[in-house]
Amino acid sequence: MMDFITVPVIISIITYGIYKLFELFVCRRERLSIIEKLSDNQFLSVPNSFSLPNYAQPRTAYGTLKGGCLLLGIGLGLLVGFVICATCIPDYFDKMNWIHKQTAAVIYGSCVLIFGGLGLLTAFIIELKLGKKKE
């Protein structure tokens, strides 16, 4: 049914894999060069010019907030999509023809993406406000 998309998807997956492999080796080389610079003791003479992150301080992770807002947005998108389909598409609960099914699929997909994105934006705004309160 969707045979036209398999070749570009496979090519893109292979290209992405090769890119990540090269990136892995380049990042390894960069990390080794940073470690060599640190071992040269050139940063000890200038205080606070270069320092590693302090992992002793607890960091607040907002992963659950992001996930919760995303799932809330997706659920709300599905609900809004159902309401739009039930009110705007004739014979939605009976037998639908192909055009009505495609329209319902577009409505559901767009509502899920829009409200999922709004959920992530809401999580971002909440993180910014909580970050400002801590400072």
C-alpha atoms as a PDB file:
ATOM      1  CA  MET A   1       0.000   0.000   0.000  1.00  0.00           C
ATOM      2  CA  MET A   2       2.777   2.440   0.887  1.00  0.00           C
ATOM      3  CA  ASP A   3       5.523   0.928  -1.263  1.00  0.00           C
ATOM      4  CA  PHE A   4       6.552   4.333  -2.575  1.00  0.00           C
ATOM      5  CA  ILE A   5       7.952   5.378   0.805  1.00  0.00           C
ATOM      6  CA  THR A   6      10.023   2.302   1.706  1.00  0.00           C
ATOM      7  CA  VAL A   7      13.051   3.148  -0.442  1.00  0.00           C
ATOM      8  CA  PRO A   8      13.491   6.723   0.873  1.00  0.00           C
ATOM      9  CA  VAL A   9      12.973   5.529   4.455  1.00  0.00           C
ATOM     10  CA  ILE A  10      15.598   2.789   4.127  1.00  0.00           C
ATOM     11  CA  ILE A  11      18.082   5.148   2.458  1.00  0.00           C
ATOM     12  CA  SER A  12      17.537   7.783   5.147  1.00  0.00           C
ATOM     13  CA  ILE A  13      18.013   5.219   7.950  1.00  0.00           C
ATOM     14  CA  ILE A  14      21.277   3.994   6.416  1.00  0.00           C
ATOM     15  CA  THR A  15      22.507   7.573   5.881  1.00  0.00           C
ATOM     16  CA  TYR A  16      21.621   8.519   9.453  1.00  0.00           C
ATOM     17  CA  GLY A  17      23.454   5.450  10.782  1.00  0.00           C
ATOM     18  CA  ILE A  18      26.610   6.282   8.828  1.00  0.00           C
ATOM     19  CA  TYR A  19      26.421   9.916   9.976  1.00  0.00           C
ATOM     20  CA  LYS A  20      26.111   8.893  13.624  1.00  0.00           C
ATOM     21  CA  LEU A  21      29.054   6.499  13.269  1.00  0.00           C
ATOM     22  CA  PHE A  22      31.300   9.264  11.925  1.00  0.00           C
ATOM     23  CA  GLU A  23      30.029  11.647  14.584  1.00  0.00           C
ATOM     24  CA  LEU A  24      30.912   9.112  17.267  1.00  0.00           C
ATOM     25  CA  PHE A  25      34.539   8.957  16.128  1.00  0.00           C
ATOM     26  CA  VAL A  26      34.844  12.738  15.725  1.00  0.00           C
ATOM     27  CA  CYS A  27      33.387  13.417  19.173  1.00  0.00           C
ATOM     28  CA  ARG A  28      35.742  10.840  20.687  1.00  0.00           C
ATOM     29  CA  ARG A  29      38.705  12.622  19.133  1.00  0.00           C
ATOM     30  CA  GLU A  30      37.452  15.984  20.422  1.00  0.00           C
ATOM     31  CA  ARG A  31      36.987  14.630  23.948  1.00  0.00           C
ATOM     32  CA  LEU A  32      40.498  13.192  23.928  1.00  0.00           C
ATOM     33  CA  SER A  33      41.935  16.533  22.823  1.00  0.00           C
ATOM     34  CA  ILE A  34      40.103  18.321  25.661  1.00  0.00           C
ATOM     35  CA  ILE A  35      41.478  15.824  28.156  1.00  0.00           C
ATOM     36  CA  GLU A  36      44.980  16.394  26.799  1.00  0.00           C
ATOM     37  CA  LYS A  37      44.553  20.162  27.182  1.00  0.00           C
ATOM     38  CA  LEU A  38      43.431  19.688  30.774  1.00  0.00           C
ATOM     39  CA  SER A  39      46.432  17.519  31.533  1.00  0.00           C
ATOM     40  CA  ASP A  40      48.839  20.209  30.261  1.00  0.00           C
ATOM     41  CA  ASN A  41      48.032  22.314  33.368  1.00  0.00           C
ATOM     42  CA  GLN A  42      47.684  25.443  31.278  1.00  0.00           C
ATOM     43  CA  PHE A  43      44.346  26.296  32.886  1.00  0.00           C
ATOM     44  CA  LEU A  44      45.647  26.232  36.456  1.00  0.00           C
ATOM     45  CA  SER A  45      47.261  29.668  36.211  1.00  0.00           C
ATOM     46  CA  VAL A  46      44.014  31.489  35.265  1.00  0.00           C
ATOM     47  CA  PRO A  47      41.245  30.927  37.820  1.00  0.00           C
ATOM     48  CA  ASN A  48      37.656  30.341  36.640  1.00  0.00           C
ATOM     49  CA  SER A  49      38.588  30.329  32.969  1.00  0.00           C
ATOM     50  CA  PHE A  50      37.656  26.722  32.367  1.00  0.00           C
ATOM     51  CA  SER A  51      35.918  24.366  34.703  1.00  0.00           C
ATOM     52  CA  LEU A  52      34.009  21.154  34.519  1.00  0.00           C
ATOM     53  CA  PRO A  53      30.335  21.122  35.543  1.00  0.00           C
ATOM     54  CA  ASN A  54      29.626  20.670  39.216  1.00  0.00           C
ATOM     55  CA  TYR A  55      27.715  17.419  39.524  1.00  0.00           C
ATOM     56  CA  ALA A  56      27.490  17.650  43.305  1.00  0.00           C
ATOM     57  CA  GLN A  57      24.576  20.076  43.120  1.00  0.00           C
ATOM     58  CA  PRO A  58      21.254  18.354  42.505  1.00  0.00           C
ATOM     59  CA  ARG A  59      19.715  19.158  39.148  1.00  0.00           C
ATOM     60  CA  THR A  60      15.997  19.096  38.644  1.00  0.00           C
ATOM     61  CA  ALA A  61      14.906  16.922  35.745  1.00  0.00           C
ATOM     62  CA  TYR A  62      11.702  17.887  34.024  1.00  0.00           C
ATOM     63  CA  GLY A  63      11.252  14.669  32.055  1.00  0.00           C
ATOM     64  CA  THR A  64       8.050  13.713  33.800  1.00  0.00           C
ATOM     65  CA  LEU A  65       6.642  17.208  33.263  1.00  0.00           C
ATOM     66  CA  LYS A  66       7.435  17.027  29.551  1.00  0.00           C
ATOM     67  CA  GLY A  67       5.982  13.543  29.226  1.00  0.00           C
ATOM     68  CA  GLY A  68       2.874  14.429  31.174  1.00  0.00           C
ATOM     69  CA  CYS A  69       2.205  17.580  29.170  1.00  0.00           C
ATOM     70  CA  LEU A  70       2.839  15.710  25.915  1.00  0.00           C
ATOM     71  CA  LEU A  71       0.428  12.911  26.804  1.00  0.00           C
ATOM     72  CA  LEU A  72      -2.130  15.447  28.021  1.00  0.00           C
ATOM     73  CA  GLY A  73      -1.835  17.301  24.721  1.00  0.00           C
ATOM     74  CA  ILE A  74      -2.162  14.107  22.687  1.00  0.00           C
ATOM     75  CA  GLY A  75      -5.235  13.033  24.651  1.00  0.00           C
ATOM     76  CA  LEU A  76      -6.795  16.453  24.276  1.00  0.00           C
ATOM     77  CA  GLY A  77      -5.988  16.386  20.552  1.00  0.00           C
ATOM     78  CA  LEU A  78      -7.714  13.031  20.144  1.00  0.00           C
ATOM     79  CA  LEU A  79     -10.750  14.303  22.033  1.00  0.00           C
ATOM     80  CA  VAL A  80     -10.967  17.492  19.963  1.00  0.00           C
ATOM     81  CA  GLY A  81     -10.474  15.474  16.773  1.00  0.00           C
ATOM     82  CA  PHE A  82     -13.319  13.156  17.759  1.00  0.00           C
ATOM     83  CA  VAL A  83     -15.611  16.083  18.504  1.00  0.00           C
ATOM     84  CA  ILE A  84     -14.762  17.736  15.178  1.00  0.00           C
ATOM     85  CA  CYS A  85     -15.325  14.484  13.260  1.00  0.00           C
ATOM     86  CA  ALA A  86     -18.565  13.681  15.081  1.00  0.00           C
ATOM     87  CA  THR A  87     -20.039  17.112  14.435  1.00  0.00           C
ATOM     88  CA  CYS A  88     -18.735  17.891  10.942  1.00  0.00           C
ATOM     89  CA  ILE A  89     -18.619  14.582   9.053  1.00  0.00           C
ATOM     90  CA  PRO A  90     -22.020  13.228   8.045  1.00  0.00           C
ATOM     91  CA  ASP A  91     -22.636   9.548   8.887  1.00  0.00           C
ATOM     92  CA  TYR A  92     -19.503   9.418  11.069  1.00  0.00           C
ATOM     93  CA  PHE A  93     -20.927   6.640  13.240  1.00  0.00           C
ATOM     94  CA  ASP A  94     -22.406   4.725  10.310  1.00  0.00           C
ATOM     95  CA  LYS A  95     -20.697   3.437   7.193  1.00  0.00           C
ATOM     96  CA  MET A  96     -18.367   6.081   5.802  1.00  0.00           C
ATOM     97  CA  ASN A  97     -16.938   6.245   2.318  1.00  0.00           C
ATOM     98  CA  TRP A  98     -13.241   6.630   1.508  1.00  0.00           C
ATOM     99  CA  ILE A  99     -13.232  10.435   1.414  1.00  0.00           C
ATOM    100  CA  HIS A 100     -14.826  10.720   4.848  1.00  0.00           C
ATOM    101  CA  LYS A 101     -12.294   8.247   6.296  1.00  0.00           C
ATOM    102  CA  GLN A 102      -9.387  10.220   4.861  1.00  0.00           C
ATOM    103  CA  THR A 103     -10.826  13.464   6.180  1.00  0.00           C
ATOM    104  CA  ALA A 104     -11.204  11.948   9.648  1.00  0.00           C
ATOM    105  CA  ALA A 105      -7.601  10.698   9.523  1.00  0.00           C
ATOM    106  CA  VAL A 106      -6.331  14.169   8.631  1.00  0.00           C
ATOM    107  CA  ILE A 107      -8.399  15.754  11.404  1.00  0.00           C
ATOM    108  CA  TYR A 108      -7.157  13.271  14.011  1.00  0.00           C
ATOM    109  CA  GLY A 109      -3.526  13.584  12.922  1.00  0.00           C
ATOM    110  CA  SER A 110      -3.499  17.354  12.835  1.00  0.00           C
ATOM    111  CA  CYS A 111      -5.244  17.688  16.194  1.00  0.00           C
ATOM    112  CA  VAL A 112      -2.823  15.253  17.846  1.00  0.00           C
ATOM    113  CA  LEU A 113       0.213  17.076  16.445  1.00  0.00           C
ATOM    114  CA  ILE A 114      -1.099  20.541  17.280  1.00  0.00           C
ATOM    115  CA  PHE A 115      -2.124  19.733  20.842  1.00  0.00           C
ATOM    116  CA  GLY A 116       0.982  17.593  21.462  1.00  0.00           C
ATOM    117  CA  GLY A 117       3.138  20.536  20.392  1.00  0.00           C
ATOM    118  CA  LEU A 118       1.117  22.871  22.603  1.00  0.00           C
ATOM    119  CA  GLY A 119       1.656  20.467  25.496  1.00  0.00           C
ATOM    120  CA  LEU A 120       5.429  20.578  24.972  1.00  0.00           C
ATOM    121  CA  LEU A 121       5.347  24.378  24.723  1.00  0.00           C
ATOM    122  CA  THR A 122       3.406  24.467  27.991  1.00  0.00           C
ATOM    123  CA  ALA A 123       6.023  22.259  29.638  1.00  0.00           C
ATOM    124  CA  PHE A 124       8.764  24.569  28.360  1.00  0.00           C
ATOM    125  CA  ILE A 125       7.042  27.653  29.752  1.00  0.00           C
ATOM    126  CA  ILE A 126       6.530  25.944  33.123  1.00  0.00           C
ATOM    127  CA  GLU A 127      10.227  24.967  33.194  1.00  0.00           C
ATOM    128  CA  LEU A 128      11.244  28.566  32.489  1.00  0.00           C
ATOM    129  CA  LYS A 129       9.057  29.889  35.287  1.00  0.00           C
ATOM    130  CA  LEU A 130      10.328  27.290  37.759  1.00  0.00           C
ATOM    131  CA  GLY A 131      13.921  28.020  36.719  1.00  0.00           C
ATOM    132  CA  LYS A 132      13.429  31.745  37.349  1.00  0.00           C
ATOM    133  CA  LYS A 133      11.962  31.040  40.780  1.00  0.00           C
ATOM    134  CA  LYS A 134      15.047  29.019  41.771  1.00  0.00           C
ATOM    135  CA  GLU A 135      17.401  31.813  40.760  1.00  0.00           C
END
